[in-house]
Every structure is written in structure tokens, then in C-alpha cells.
Protein backbone atom coordinates (compact mmCIF):
# COMPACT_ATOMS: atom_id res chain seq x y z
CA UNK A 1 -3.46 -14.84 -14.28
CA UNK A 2 -2.74 -13.72 -10.72
CA UNK A 3 -4.48 -14.90 -7.71
CA UNK A 4 -5.56 -11.83 -6.97
CA UNK A 5 -7.13 -11.37 -10.30
CA UNK A 6 -8.69 -14.70 -10.07
CA UNK A 7 -10.57 -13.96 -6.67
CA UNK A 8 -11.87 -10.60 -8.50
CA UNK A 9 -13.28 -12.54 -11.36
CA UNK A 10 -15.20 -15.02 -9.36
CA UNK A 11 -16.53 -12.21 -7.20
CA UNK A 12 -17.94 -10.59 -10.16
CA UNK A 13 -19.74 -13.78 -11.20
CA UNK A 14 -22.84 -14.09 -9.08
CA UNK A 15 -24.16 -17.68 -9.56
CA UNK A 16 -27.52 -16.80 -8.37
CA UNK A 17 -27.67 -14.50 -11.34
CA UNK A 18 -25.81 -16.17 -14.08
CA UNK A 19 -26.30 -19.54 -15.41
CA UNK A 20 -22.70 -20.33 -16.49
CA UNK A 21 -19.54 -18.50 -17.67
CA UNK A 22 -17.07 -20.43 -19.65
CA UNK A 23 -13.74 -19.50 -20.39
CA UNK A 24 -12.37 -20.52 -23.87
CA UNK A 25 -8.66 -20.72 -24.12
CA UNK A 26 -6.31 -22.23 -26.90
CA UNK A 27 -2.81 -20.75 -27.05
CA UNK A 28 -2.18 -22.66 -30.08
CA UNK A 29 -4.37 -20.51 -32.13
CA UNK A 30 -4.30 -17.39 -29.85
CA UNK A 31 -7.71 -17.70 -28.91
CA UNK A 32 -8.77 -16.18 -25.27
CA UNK A 33 -12.71 -15.78 -25.20
CA UNK A 34 -15.41 -15.90 -22.74
CA UNK A 35 -18.86 -16.85 -23.12
CA UNK A 36 -21.52 -15.82 -20.51
CA UNK A 37 -25.17 -17.24 -20.57
CA UNK A 38 -27.06 -15.42 -18.10
CA UNK A 39 -30.25 -17.13 -18.21
CA UNK A 40 -32.19 -19.55 -20.33
CA UNK A 41 -35.68 -19.76 -18.73
CA UNK A 42 -37.27 -18.75 -22.14
CA UNK A 43 -35.13 -20.25 -24.24
CA UNK A 44 -31.35 -21.05 -25.45
CA UNK A 45 -29.04 -18.19 -24.55
CA UNK A 46 -28.36 -16.13 -27.58
CA UNK A 47 -26.17 -13.28 -28.41
CA UNK A 48 -23.44 -11.66 -30.53
CA UNK A 49 -19.92 -12.21 -30.15
CA UNK A 50 -17.58 -9.40 -30.18
CA UNK A 51 -13.84 -9.02 -30.65
CA UNK A 52 -12.30 -6.14 -28.71
CA UNK A 53 -8.52 -5.76 -27.20
CA UNK A 54 -9.79 -5.37 -23.79
CA UNK A 55 -7.07 -4.18 -21.26
CA UNK A 56 -7.49 -7.31 -19.27
CA UNK A 57 -9.57 -10.33 -18.56
CA UNK A 58 -11.50 -8.52 -15.93
CA UNK A 59 -12.38 -6.00 -18.05
CA UNK A 60 -13.51 -8.52 -20.49
CA UNK A 61 -15.60 -10.55 -17.91
CA UNK A 62 -17.32 -7.28 -16.81
CA UNK A 63 -18.42 -6.65 -20.47
CA UNK A 64 -19.77 -10.02 -21.31
CA UNK A 65 -21.32 -10.15 -18.27
CA UNK A 66 -23.18 -6.91 -18.74
CA UNK A 67 -24.02 -7.66 -22.41
CA UNK A 68 -25.34 -11.17 -21.60
CA UNK A 69 -27.67 -9.79 -18.96
CA UNK A 70 -29.00 -7.10 -21.33
CA UNK A 71 -29.51 -9.91 -24.00
CA UNK A 72 -31.93 -11.73 -21.33
CA UNK A 73 -33.95 -8.41 -20.81
CA UNK A 74 -34.15 -7.64 -24.48
CA UNK A 75 -35.53 -11.07 -25.61
CA UNK A 76 -37.87 -11.24 -22.73
CA UNK A 77 -39.43 -7.65 -23.31
CA UNK A 78 -39.58 -8.41 -27.07
CA UNK A 79 -41.47 -11.77 -26.35
CA UNK A 80 -38.85 -14.28 -27.84
CA UNK A 81 -38.46 -17.82 -26.64
CA UNK A 82 -34.60 -17.06 -26.21
CA UNK A 83 -32.64 -16.66 -23.44
CA UNK A 84 -29.67 -14.07 -22.74
CA UNK A 85 -25.90 -14.56 -23.56
CA UNK A 86 -22.97 -13.14 -25.00
CA UNK A 87 -19.38 -14.02 -26.38
CA UNK A 88 -16.19 -11.67 -26.32
CA UNK A 89 -12.95 -12.66 -27.85
CA UNK A 90 -9.84 -10.67 -26.56
CA UNK A 91 -7.82 -9.35 -29.22
CA UNK A 92 -7.49 -6.70 -31.80
CA UNK A 93 -9.95 -7.61 -34.72
CA UNK A 94 -7.51 -6.13 -36.93
CA UNK A 95 -4.38 -7.49 -36.32
CA UNK A 96 -5.42 -10.57 -34.09
CA UNK A 97 -7.91 -12.38 -36.11
CA UNK A 98 -7.05 -15.66 -38.08
CA UNK A 99 -9.29 -18.04 -39.50
CA UNK A 100 -7.80 -20.81 -37.19
CA UNK A 101 -8.79 -18.59 -34.33
CA UNK A 102 -12.61 -18.36 -35.44
CA UNK A 103 -12.96 -21.85 -36.25
CA UNK A 104 -11.78 -22.89 -32.77
CA UNK A 105 -14.13 -20.29 -31.22
CA UNK A 106 -16.54 -22.29 -33.42
CA UNK A 107 -15.62 -25.41 -31.89
CA UNK A 108 -16.23 -24.25 -28.28
CA UNK A 109 -19.81 -22.94 -29.35
CA UNK A 110 -20.77 -26.60 -30.75
CA UNK A 111 -19.32 -28.25 -27.60
CA UNK A 112 -21.97 -26.24 -25.65
CA UNK A 113 -24.63 -28.24 -27.69
CA UNK A 114 -26.92 -25.57 -28.40
CA UNK A 115 -27.14 -23.77 -24.97
CA UNK A 116 -25.37 -20.75 -26.55
CA UNK A 117 -26.44 -19.49 -29.94
CA UNK A 118 -23.94 -16.85 -31.39
CA UNK A 119 -24.25 -14.24 -33.86
CA UNK A 120 -22.20 -10.74 -34.94
CA UNK A 121 -21.38 -8.25 -32.87
CA UNK A 122 -18.39 -5.66 -32.56
CA UNK A 123 -15.42 -6.60 -34.48
CA UNK A 124 -17.03 -9.63 -36.22
CA UNK A 125 -18.09 -9.68 -39.68
CA UNK A 126 -20.34 -11.66 -41.95
CA UNK A 127 -17.45 -13.35 -43.37
CA UNK A 128 -16.10 -14.12 -39.79
CA UNK A 129 -19.17 -15.86 -39.11
CA UNK A 130 -18.95 -18.08 -42.05
CA UNK A 131 -15.40 -19.19 -40.80
CA UNK A 132 -17.23 -19.87 -37.23
CA UNK A 133 -20.12 -21.93 -39.05
CA UNK A 134 -17.68 -24.26 -40.30
CA UNK A 135 -17.28 -25.61 -36.79
CA UNK A 136 -21.04 -25.06 -35.35
CA UNK A 137 -24.50 -25.06 -36.52
CA UNK A 138 -25.45 -22.77 -33.31
CA UNK A 139 -25.41 -19.59 -35.11
CA UNK A 140 -27.72 -16.97 -36.56
CA UNK A 141 -27.59 -14.14 -38.66
CA UNK A 142 -25.11 -14.61 -41.22
CA UNK A 143 -25.32 -12.05 -44.05
CA UNK A 144 -25.36 -13.47 -47.54
CA UNK A 145 -26.07 -17.23 -46.66
CA UNK A 146 -29.17 -18.73 -48.22
CA UNK A 147 -31.99 -18.44 -45.32
CA UNK A 148 -30.47 -15.88 -43.61
CA UNK A 149 -32.19 -12.80 -42.41
CA UNK A 150 -29.25 -10.58 -43.67
CA UNK A 151 -28.27 -7.18 -42.58
CA UNK A 152 -30.08 -6.68 -39.30
CA UNK A 153 -29.96 -2.84 -39.62
CA UNK A 154 -32.97 -2.04 -41.55
CA UNK A 155 -34.92 -4.14 -39.11
CA UNK A 156 -33.48 -2.28 -35.97
CA UNK A 157 -34.19 0.82 -37.40
CA UNK A 158 -37.91 -0.35 -38.30
CA UNK A 159 -38.14 -1.00 -34.73
CA UNK A 160 -36.76 2.26 -33.64
CA UNK A 161 -39.24 4.25 -35.99
CA UNK A 162 -42.09 2.16 -34.58
CA UNK A 163 -41.06 2.76 -31.06
CA UNK A 164 -40.37 6.52 -31.45
CA UNK A 165 -43.97 7.00 -32.77
CA UNK A 166 -45.28 5.54 -29.60
CA UNK A 167 -43.03 7.73 -27.68
CA UNK A 168 -44.27 10.62 -29.70
CA UNK A 169 -47.93 9.80 -29.32
CA UNK A 170 -47.30 9.44 -25.25
CA UNK A 171 -45.37 13.02 -25.37
CA UNK A 172 -47.39 14.69 -28.19
CA UNK A 173 -50.53 13.22 -28.15
CA UNK A 174 -50.18 11.82 -31.60
CA UNK A 175 -47.97 9.38 -33.37
CA UNK A 176 -47.45 11.22 -36.48
CA UNK A 177 -43.78 12.30 -37.15
CA UNK A 178 -44.51 14.78 -39.68
CA UNK A 179 -43.16 18.32 -39.02
CA UNK A 180 -41.36 17.18 -35.92
CA UNK A 181 -37.68 18.18 -35.61
CA UNK A 182 -35.61 15.11 -34.78
CA UNK A 183 -31.64 15.30 -33.84
CA UNK A 184 -30.03 11.94 -34.78
CA UNK A 185 -26.63 11.32 -33.22
CA UNK A 186 -24.65 8.81 -35.30
CA UNK A 187 -25.09 8.31 -39.07
CA UNK A 188 -24.42 4.56 -39.32
CA UNK A 189 -26.12 1.73 -40.91
CA UNK A 190 -29.17 1.83 -38.56
CA UNK A 191 -29.45 5.77 -38.67
CA UNK A 192 -29.43 5.33 -42.73
CA UNK A 193 -32.58 3.09 -42.65
CA UNK A 194 -34.25 5.36 -39.88
CA UNK A 195 -33.50 8.61 -41.51
CA UNK A 196 -35.12 7.51 -44.69
CA UNK A 197 -38.13 6.55 -42.82
CA UNK A 198 -38.34 9.92 -41.07
CA UNK A 199 -37.79 11.94 -44.25
CA UNK A 200 -40.34 9.97 -46.09
CA UNK A 201 -42.83 10.56 -43.29
CA UNK A 202 -42.12 14.29 -43.40
CA UNK A 203 -40.01 14.91 -40.44
CA UNK A 204 -37.35 17.56 -40.28
CA UNK A 205 -33.92 15.55 -39.52
CA UNK A 206 -30.99 17.10 -38.09
CA UNK A 207 -27.68 14.64 -37.91
CA UNK A 208 -24.13 14.83 -36.76
CA UNK A 209 -21.22 12.12 -36.80
CA UNK A 210 -17.43 12.10 -36.60
CA UNK A 211 -17.13 10.59 -39.85
CA UNK A 212 -17.31 13.45 -42.73
CA UNK A 213 -17.86 10.69 -45.56
CA UNK A 214 -21.07 9.53 -43.78
CA UNK A 215 -22.26 13.23 -43.13
CA UNK A 216 -21.62 13.82 -46.62
CA UNK A 217 -23.84 10.99 -47.84
CA UNK A 218 -26.92 11.57 -45.55
CA UNK A 219 -26.65 15.32 -46.73
CA UNK A 220 -26.49 14.00 -50.54
CA UNK A 221 -29.09 11.56 -50.18
CA UNK A 222 -31.58 13.00 -47.60
CA UNK A 223 -30.72 16.58 -47.51
CA UNK A 224 -30.66 16.78 -43.79
CA UNK A 225 -29.43 19.64 -41.66
CA UNK A 226 -25.67 18.93 -39.96
CA UNK A 227 -24.45 20.17 -36.72
CA UNK A 228 -21.23 19.30 -34.83
CA UNK A 229 -21.19 16.07 -33.16
CA UNK A 230 -20.23 18.34 -29.75
CA UNK A 231 -23.61 20.14 -30.19
CA UNK A 232 -26.22 17.50 -31.17
CA UNK A 233 -27.44 16.63 -27.74
CA UNK A 234 -28.23 20.14 -26.92
CA UNK A 235 -29.90 20.68 -30.39
CA UNK A 236 -33.49 22.06 -30.24
CA UNK A 237 -35.74 19.53 -31.35
CA UNK A 238 -38.79 17.53 -30.67
CA UNK A 239 -37.06 14.04 -30.53
CA UNK A 240 -33.64 13.04 -29.97
CA UNK A 241 -32.43 9.79 -31.40
CA UNK A 242 -29.02 8.64 -30.08
CA UNK A 243 -27.75 6.01 -32.45
CA UNK A 244 -23.94 5.73 -31.62
CA UNK A 245 -22.10 5.50 -28.49
CA UNK A 246 -23.51 4.33 -25.02
CA UNK A 247 -23.93 6.53 -21.88
CA UNK A 248 -24.86 9.59 -23.70
CA UNK A 249 -27.54 10.52 -21.54
CA UNK A 250 -25.79 11.50 -18.28
CA UNK A 251 -25.50 14.28 -15.57
CA UNK A 252 -23.56 16.52 -17.97
CA UNK A 253 -25.81 16.06 -21.03
CA UNK A 254 -29.13 16.34 -19.46
CA UNK A 255 -29.60 19.81 -18.32
CA UNK A 256 -28.71 20.55 -22.00
CA UNK A 257 -31.27 18.28 -23.55
CA UNK A 258 -34.11 20.47 -25.16
CA UNK A 259 -36.07 17.18 -26.82
CA UNK A 260 -39.21 16.16 -25.41
CA UNK A 261 -38.67 12.40 -26.56
CA UNK A 262 -35.46 10.36 -26.38
CA UNK A 263 -35.70 7.28 -28.83
CA UNK A 264 -32.76 5.70 -30.37
CA UNK A 265 -30.88 2.71 -31.21
CA UNK A 266 -27.48 2.96 -28.83
CA UNK A 267 -27.33 0.50 -26.30
CA UNK A 268 -26.87 1.58 -22.75
CA UNK A 269 -27.72 5.02 -23.16
CA UNK A 270 -28.56 5.91 -19.73
CA UNK A 271 -25.14 6.47 -17.81
CA UNK A 272 -26.43 5.66 -14.58
CA UNK A 273 -29.93 4.57 -13.04
CA UNK A 274 -30.16 8.08 -11.41
CA UNK A 275 -30.15 9.50 -15.10
CA UNK A 276 -33.53 7.72 -15.80
CA UNK A 277 -34.97 9.49 -12.95
CA UNK A 278 -33.62 12.78 -13.83
CA UNK A 279 -35.32 12.59 -17.21
CA UNK A 280 -38.79 11.66 -15.56
CA UNK A 281 -38.23 14.72 -13.27
CA UNK A 282 -37.64 16.96 -16.25
CA UNK A 283 -40.70 15.49 -18.29
CA UNK A 284 -38.56 14.05 -20.94
CA UNK A 285 -39.98 10.78 -22.44
CA UNK A 286 -37.51 8.00 -22.54
CA UNK A 287 -37.93 5.07 -24.72
CA UNK A 288 -35.60 2.34 -22.99
CA UNK A 289 -32.87 1.28 -25.31
CA UNK A 290 -33.29 -2.60 -25.36
CA UNK A 291 -36.82 -2.30 -25.84
CA UNK A 292 -36.76 0.16 -28.73
CA UNK A 293 -33.61 -1.33 -30.51
CA UNK A 294 -34.44 -5.11 -30.41
CA UNK A 295 -35.39 -5.20 -34.13
CA UNK A 296 -32.19 -6.78 -35.04
CA UNK A 297 -32.63 -9.71 -32.69
CA UNK A 298 -36.17 -10.25 -33.59
CA UNK A 299 -35.09 -10.40 -37.10
CA UNK A 300 -32.45 -13.25 -36.35
CA UNK A 301 -34.92 -14.89 -33.95
CA UNK A 302 -37.37 -15.61 -36.96
CA UNK A 303 -34.41 -17.55 -39.01
CA UNK A 304 -35.36 -20.52 -36.57
CA UNK A 305 -37.45 -22.80 -38.69
CA UNK A 306 -37.00 -20.75 -41.90
CA UNK A 307 -36.40 -17.25 -42.28
CA UNK A 308 -39.94 -15.28 -42.99
CA UNK A 309 -39.37 -11.41 -43.55
CA UNK A 310 -43.09 -10.56 -43.30
CA UNK A 311 -43.31 -12.55 -39.97
CA UNK A 312 -40.30 -10.80 -38.64
CA UNK A 313 -41.46 -7.40 -39.83
CA UNK A 314 -44.77 -7.67 -37.98
CA UNK A 315 -43.22 -8.75 -34.92
CA UNK A 316 -40.76 -5.83 -35.21
CA UNK A 317 -43.75 -3.37 -35.66
CA UNK A 318 -45.00 -4.76 -32.38
CA UNK A 319 -42.31 -2.71 -30.47
CA UNK A 320 -44.63 0.06 -30.83
CA UNK A 321 -47.08 -1.90 -28.28
CA UNK A 322 -44.12 -2.36 -26.13
CA UNK A 323 -42.78 1.13 -25.65
CA UNK A 324 -46.72 2.16 -25.24
CA UNK A 325 -47.15 -0.58 -22.34
CA UNK A 326 -43.78 0.66 -20.82
CA UNK A 327 -44.81 4.30 -20.74
CA UNK A 328 -48.65 3.62 -19.71
CA UNK A 329 -47.10 1.55 -16.82
CA UNK A 330 -44.41 4.16 -16.01
CA UNK A 331 -47.17 6.80 -15.59
CA UNK A 332 -49.26 4.58 -13.36
CA UNK A 333 -46.49 3.53 -11.23
CA UNK A 334 -44.74 6.77 -10.96
CA UNK A 335 -41.38 5.16 -12.03
CA UNK A 336 -38.96 6.22 -14.86
CA UNK A 337 -39.56 4.19 -17.96
CA UNK A 338 -36.01 2.00 -17.78
CA UNK A 339 -37.16 0.75 -14.56
CA UNK A 340 -40.68 -0.51 -15.82
CA UNK A 341 -38.74 -2.24 -18.94
CA UNK A 342 -36.72 -4.08 -16.28
CA UNK A 343 -39.49 -5.05 -14.26
CA UNK A 344 -41.52 -6.31 -17.15
CA UNK A 345 -38.64 -8.44 -18.38
CA UNK A 346 -37.92 -9.83 -15.01
CA UNK A 347 -41.35 -10.71 -14.85
CA UNK A 348 -41.37 -12.52 -18.01
CA UNK A 349 -38.24 -14.22 -16.98
CA UNK A 350 -39.37 -15.41 -13.83
CA UNK A 351 -42.67 -16.76 -15.30
CA UNK A 352 -40.28 -18.81 -17.68
CA UNK A 353 -38.59 -20.15 -14.29
CA UNK A 354 -41.92 -21.05 -12.83
CA UNK A 355 -42.92 -22.97 -16.17
CA UNK A 356 -39.85 -24.98 -15.89
CA UNK A 357 -40.15 -25.63 -12.42
CA UNK A 358 -43.96 -26.74 -12.99
């Protein structure tokens, strides 16, 4: 790594904001990973590990810092006794992943003595986590393991469904989704559970995905309408549910959006802070992404001390109240909902800091 790159990396890591950033390198097994712990005022830093072929270390650092901060906010607004953290492994998950690499990563996690609890993210499978688990006990969300919370997708969808109802009540005066036309961008695992709930509720669903097999499955099982992925954001509907890529709500797409509510599972839906203000100016109700999509994190949180599915579902159902609070306060303070969500999370993190100092 060049001296210039080292300087750039250290400039990006603000010690006032990030608790610690750990570089995990082992040339013997080809491991190059970064663990970022943003904040642990409310509990141990928790967040998934993703494996991705970043163009360079700087790009990986930027991603892990952004993601770990997001986890702090997600945990705080969800009322969890967890801090925010994330890990990234630099490499192609299809060609660079080996059992030795995963086990070595597990050793790095174990050496942090519980300061970081890892889980699954992009590029990492349940089978991979079993490898990591051979070296560390600080891990949650292993599908198929006794006592595990299993696949988080259904609980994520349940949270989005409840948050969507809260946003609908705010926008339309009633939480019922029966008769509402809902445009779903991305027909993956979360959308599968979400669309099933929406159809059962009596909503009219239109979907889009680049994967033809997914499209065929949703048409076959749910009978939903399908439009081109290029047109889904502009679809005439009551509610838009982004469940695929981030940054889809941007200066180009906002003028095309006909929905009165945006409520989906995708991360980082707003391309910029200003986009949230523009939605507010246009009277579009936005349910902040990390508040509405927290069901997966809530689910694995309830593995601690023995998983209880009913307790996890009850907690996830509380996303309705979270979105309700965010939207009511946004109106009262004349700020966009994403800013209010940040403010609530920051207040709770600060309260955790005060409790530690007290």
C-alpha cells in the first residue's frame, strides 16, 4: 500500500466517530479483511460480513465505515441492546473463498473477545458461517443450526409489511392495504414473503426484476402484474416498495414517482440527503430504510439467550410504531423522515454513552 493511500485511509477514519477499525491480513490464506466497530454504547458491535471484489482497499474502507454506522443507527432505532459494526472481506466470493480463509477470519473475530459479533451478508452463505463458527462463538444467524433464528428474509418482510401499514395510515388515513396498488422493485427472498402478505391482505401488486426466473415464479404463485425494471419506479401506484438496489430514489427518479408512499427493504434508498427533502416537498411519505427493514437484525438479536420466534415477531411488529413515531415527529419538526430517524437513533446512542459515563 502506498504512503498516499495510507494517508487517505486514515483521513477517512474519524476517531471521534468510529470506535475501532481492524485490518485483518493473512497472506498465507489470502485473507484481506476489515472490521469496523462504529459504536458500542448500547451493546456489542454487531453486523454482517460481506465478501466483495473491491477495486482497492480505500473503497473497502469507505464501504465498511458506511455500513457499520448504518448498523449503529438500525440497532438504536429498533430498541436493541446492540452497537453497530460490519466486516468486509476483499475478494471474489466465487473464486477467492476457501475454508482456510473463512476460518482465519473467524480467528480474528474471536480475538476481539465479543467486541464484534458477525453474521451473514452479501457474498457469505450459511455454509460459510459454519466454517467461521469453527473458530469463534461470536456469531449469529446461522441458518440450519439448532437454536438459530434461520433465514432472516421472512422477518425482514414482516417488518416492512408493518412499517408500510404505518406509512399508509399516515398518507391515506388508514393502515389497511386492501385495494392499494403496490409496486415492488426486486423479486428476491424478502419480496417473496412481502408479496405473499400483500396479496393475502387484498392489495394489487405489480413487480419487476431483471431475473426472468424470479418473475415467472411470482407470476405463477401470486398472479401479480409485471412491468419492465426500467419502468417500475414510474409505475402508477399508491405505494412504491424498493427491495433491490440502493440509491434508486434520486434526482432522476423522483420526478417520475407517482406513489404517495415509499416503503421498502432495500438499504440506502436515498442517493443523497437532499433527495429526502425533495420527497417531503412533493408530499411523498418516505419510511426510512434502516428503520423499516430492521426485521432481520431484530430476528438474530433474539438468538441471544435462546431464540424465541414469538418474541422476535412481536418485536419486529413494533416497526409499525417506529415508523409511526418517525412520521409524526417529521411533521411536527418540519423535517424529512430520514433526518428524524437519524435524530432518534443519535439520541439513543448518546443516552447510551451517558449511561456508560454515569
